[in-house]
Protein backbone atom coordinates (compact mmCIF):
# COMPACT_ATOMS: atom_id res chain seq x y z
CA UNK A 1 0.00 0.00 0.00
CA UNK A 2 2.92 2.28 0.74
CA UNK A 3 4.21 1.84 -2.83
CA UNK A 4 0.79 2.63 -4.22
CA UNK A 5 0.56 5.85 -2.18
CA UNK A 6 4.04 6.86 -3.31
CA UNK A 7 3.15 6.14 -6.94
CA UNK A 8 -0.08 8.10 -6.58
CA UNK A 9 1.73 11.11 -5.09
CA UNK A 10 4.33 11.06 -7.88
CA UNK A 11 1.61 10.82 -10.50
CA UNK A 12 -0.38 13.68 -8.97
CA UNK A 13 2.78 15.76 -8.63
CA UNK A 14 3.38 15.71 -12.38
CA UNK A 15 2.80 19.10 -13.95
CA UNK A 16 -0.28 19.24 -16.11
CA UNK A 17 0.41 19.73 -19.78
CA UNK A 18 -0.39 23.25 -20.66
CA UNK A 19 -3.34 23.77 -22.93
CA UNK A 20 -2.38 25.04 -26.35
CA UNK A 21 -4.08 28.04 -27.86
CA UNK A 22 -5.69 27.00 -31.13
CA UNK A 23 -5.05 30.37 -32.75
CA UNK A 24 -1.42 30.43 -31.64
CA UNK A 25 -0.72 26.89 -32.87
CA UNK A 26 -2.40 27.50 -36.22
CA UNK A 27 -0.49 30.77 -36.61
CA UNK A 28 2.84 29.03 -35.90
CA UNK A 29 2.01 26.16 -38.24
CA UNK A 30 1.00 28.59 -40.98
CA UNK A 31 4.25 30.51 -40.53
CA UNK A 32 6.32 27.30 -40.71
CA UNK A 33 4.47 25.99 -43.76
CA UNK A 34 4.76 29.36 -45.50
CA UNK A 35 8.50 29.28 -44.91
CA UNK A 36 8.80 25.81 -46.46
CA UNK A 37 6.46 26.59 -49.39
CA UNK A 38 8.37 29.81 -50.08
CA UNK A 39 11.63 27.85 -50.34
CA UNK A 40 9.94 25.28 -52.58
CA UNK A 41 8.46 28.04 -54.76
CA UNK A 42 11.83 29.71 -55.32
CA UNK A 43 13.38 26.29 -55.91
CA UNK A 44 10.77 25.68 -58.62
CA UNK A 45 11.46 29.07 -60.22
CA UNK A 46 15.23 28.47 -60.15
CA UNK A 47 14.89 24.94 -61.53
CA UNK A 48 12.67 26.14 -64.39
CA UNK A 49 15.25 28.79 -65.28
CA UNK A 50 18.14 26.34 -65.18
CA UNK A 51 16.18 23.72 -67.13
CA UNK A 52 15.34 26.29 -69.83
CA UNK A 53 19.00 27.27 -70.07
CA UNK A 54 20.01 23.60 -70.33
CA UNK A 55 17.37 23.07 -73.02
CA UNK A 56 18.82 25.99 -75.01
CA UNK A 57 22.33 24.59 -74.62
CA UNK A 58 21.19 21.14 -75.74
CA UNK A 59 19.28 22.20 -78.83
CA UNK A 60 20.96 25.41 -80.00
CA UNK A 61 24.68 24.83 -79.32
CA UNK A 62 26.77 22.67 -81.59
CA UNK A 63 29.08 20.12 -80.03
CA UNK A 64 31.68 17.90 -81.62
CA UNK A 65 31.06 14.71 -79.63
CA UNK A 66 27.87 12.77 -79.08
CA UNK A 67 28.85 12.22 -75.43
CA UNK A 68 28.30 15.94 -74.82
CA UNK A 69 24.72 15.73 -76.11
CA UNK A 70 24.09 12.66 -73.95
CA UNK A 71 25.56 14.43 -70.90
CA UNK A 72 23.50 17.61 -71.34
CA UNK A 73 20.39 15.52 -72.08
CA UNK A 74 20.98 13.49 -68.92
CA UNK A 75 21.31 16.68 -66.88
CA UNK A 76 18.10 18.08 -68.41
CA UNK A 77 16.08 14.90 -67.76
CA UNK A 78 17.32 14.71 -64.17
CA UNK A 79 16.39 18.35 -63.57
CA UNK A 80 12.93 17.81 -65.03
CA UNK A 81 12.42 14.79 -62.77
CA UNK A 82 13.49 16.80 -59.73
CA UNK A 83 11.27 19.69 -60.83
CA UNK A 84 8.25 17.38 -60.97
CA UNK A 85 9.01 16.17 -57.43
CA UNK A 86 9.31 19.63 -55.90
CA UNK A 87 6.16 20.80 -57.70
CA UNK A 88 4.39 17.80 -56.18
CA UNK A 89 5.71 18.65 -52.72
CA UNK A 90 4.68 22.27 -53.16
CA UNK A 91 1.15 21.20 -54.10
CA UNK A 92 0.88 18.87 -51.10
CA UNK A 93 1.66 21.71 -48.71
CA UNK A 94 -0.08 24.51 -50.55
CA UNK A 95 -3.34 22.87 -51.63
CA UNK A 96 -5.20 22.95 -48.31
CA UNK A 97 -6.10 25.58 -45.79
CA UNK A 98 -4.97 24.46 -42.34
CA UNK A 99 -7.77 26.33 -40.59
CA UNK A 100 -10.60 24.38 -42.25
CA UNK A 101 -9.73 20.89 -41.02
CA UNK A 102 -6.57 20.56 -38.91
CA UNK A 103 -6.83 16.75 -38.89
CA UNK A 104 -6.65 16.56 -42.69
CA UNK A 105 -3.90 19.13 -42.63
CA UNK A 106 -1.96 17.02 -40.15
CA UNK A 107 -2.36 14.05 -42.50
CA UNK A 108 -1.04 16.19 -45.38
CA UNK A 109 1.97 17.26 -43.33
CA UNK A 110 2.76 13.64 -42.49
CA UNK A 111 2.45 12.69 -46.17
CA UNK A 112 4.76 15.54 -47.11
CA UNK A 113 7.24 14.49 -44.42
CA UNK A 114 7.25 10.93 -45.75
CA UNK A 115 7.79 12.16 -49.33
CA UNK A 116 10.64 14.46 -48.26
CA UNK A 117 12.34 11.70 -46.30
CA UNK A 118 12.30 9.56 -49.45
CA UNK A 119 13.78 12.48 -51.36
CA UNK A 120 16.46 12.95 -48.73
CA UNK A 121 17.27 9.27 -48.93
CA UNK A 122 17.68 7.23 -52.07
CA UNK A 123 16.47 9.75 -54.65
CA UNK A 124 19.03 12.38 -53.70
CA UNK A 125 21.88 9.95 -54.35
CA UNK A 126 20.41 8.92 -57.71
CA UNK A 127 19.95 12.62 -58.55
CA UNK A 128 23.58 13.41 -57.68
CA UNK A 129 24.82 10.36 -59.60
CA UNK A 130 22.90 11.26 -62.77
CA UNK A 131 23.85 14.94 -62.63
CA UNK A 132 27.50 13.98 -62.02
CA UNK A 133 27.55 11.56 -64.93
CA UNK A 134 25.93 14.11 -67.23
CA UNK A 135 28.30 16.84 -66.11
CA UNK A 136 31.30 14.54 -66.61
CA UNK A 137 30.21 13.78 -70.17
CA UNK A 138 29.68 17.50 -70.81
CA UNK A 139 33.11 18.39 -69.40
CA UNK A 140 34.73 15.76 -71.62
CA UNK A 141 34.41 18.04 -74.66
CA UNK A 142 34.69 21.30 -72.77
CA UNK A 143 38.10 20.35 -71.35
CA UNK A 144 39.37 18.66 -74.52
CA UNK A 145 42.02 21.29 -75.26
CA UNK A 146 42.86 22.03 -71.62
CA UNK A 147 46.10 20.89 -70.06
CA UNK A 148 46.22 17.72 -68.02
CA UNK A 149 46.66 19.74 -64.81
CA UNK A 150 43.57 21.84 -65.61
CA UNK A 151 41.51 18.72 -66.29
CA UNK A 152 42.55 17.12 -63.01
CA UNK A 153 41.88 20.36 -61.17
CA UNK A 154 38.39 20.83 -62.67
CA UNK A 155 37.39 17.21 -62.18
CA UNK A 156 38.85 17.20 -58.67
CA UNK A 157 37.00 20.38 -57.66
CA UNK A 158 33.80 19.00 -59.17
CA UNK A 159 34.12 15.80 -57.15
CA UNK A 160 34.85 17.77 -53.97
CA UNK A 161 31.82 20.01 -54.61
CA UNK A 162 29.53 17.00 -55.19
CA UNK A 163 30.79 15.29 -52.03
CA UNK A 164 30.31 18.52 -50.04
CA UNK A 165 26.74 18.89 -51.31
CA UNK A 166 25.95 15.23 -50.70
CA UNK A 167 27.41 14.67 -47.27
CA UNK A 168 27.30 18.10 -45.64
CA UNK A 169 24.84 20.45 -47.28
CA UNK A 170 22.12 17.84 -47.86
CA UNK A 171 22.23 16.74 -44.23
CA UNK A 172 21.93 20.31 -42.93
CA UNK A 173 19.12 21.31 -45.29
CA UNK A 174 16.97 18.22 -44.74
CA UNK A 175 17.67 18.15 -40.99
CA UNK A 176 16.54 21.77 -40.62
CA UNK A 177 13.35 21.12 -42.57
CA UNK A 178 12.73 17.88 -40.67
CA UNK A 179 12.95 19.71 -37.34
CA UNK A 180 10.43 22.33 -38.52
CA UNK A 181 8.05 19.64 -39.74
CA UNK A 182 8.35 17.61 -36.54
CA UNK A 183 7.60 20.70 -34.48
CA UNK A 184 4.52 21.55 -36.56
CA UNK A 185 3.27 17.94 -36.50
CA UNK A 186 3.83 17.70 -32.76
CA UNK A 187 1.86 20.89 -32.13
CA UNK A 188 -1.02 19.76 -34.32
CA UNK A 189 -1.08 16.32 -32.66
CA UNK A 190 -1.11 17.93 -29.21
CA UNK A 191 -3.90 20.21 -30.33
CA UNK A 192 -5.83 17.23 -31.68
CA UNK A 193 -5.47 15.24 -28.43
CA UNK A 194 -6.42 18.30 -26.42
CA UNK A 195 -9.94 18.21 -27.89
CA UNK A 196 -10.51 14.45 -27.64
C-alpha cells in the first residue's frame, strides 16, 4: 500500500500539460508551412530557369562529340524529374487551408514528411549520380584542349563540390526542414489530443 501511495503522489505531482491556444498553434504552423512553401516556390522558379538554359544549350549549341549531347540531355532529364518532385511537394503543402480541417492538414503534413524523407534518402543519391555523370560527359568536350593539370583540377573540384553537397549540405538542409516539420506535426497532434 505504501508503494501505491508513493506512486499516486508522484503521478499527482506531475505538472499538467499546458493547454495550447488553437489560434497560436495555427499561426505558428502557418508561418512554418509558409516558410517551407516559399523555399519550394523559389526552388521551382530556379529549376525552371536552369532547365530552360540547359534546353537551349542542348538544342541550340553545336558540339563535336555525341557524349556531350548525352551528358546535357541526362542533366536536363534529371532536372525535369526533380522539378516534378518539388512541384508535387509544393502542391501537397499549398493545396489545403490548415484552418478548415486541422486533422486533414496534419495528415497532409505527415504525407509531405514521408515524401521528403524519401527524397532525402535514395532519390538524392540517384539525382547526384545522374547529374554527375551528365556533367562529366559534358566536361569531356569542354576540357578537350585544356592541359592535363587543368583537367585534373576541374574534375577534382567538381568531385569535392559533389561530395560537399551530398554529405554536408544535404544533411543540414533536410535536418533543418525535418525539425520544422516535426515541431509543426507535434503541435497539431497535441492540439488534436487536447480536444478528444
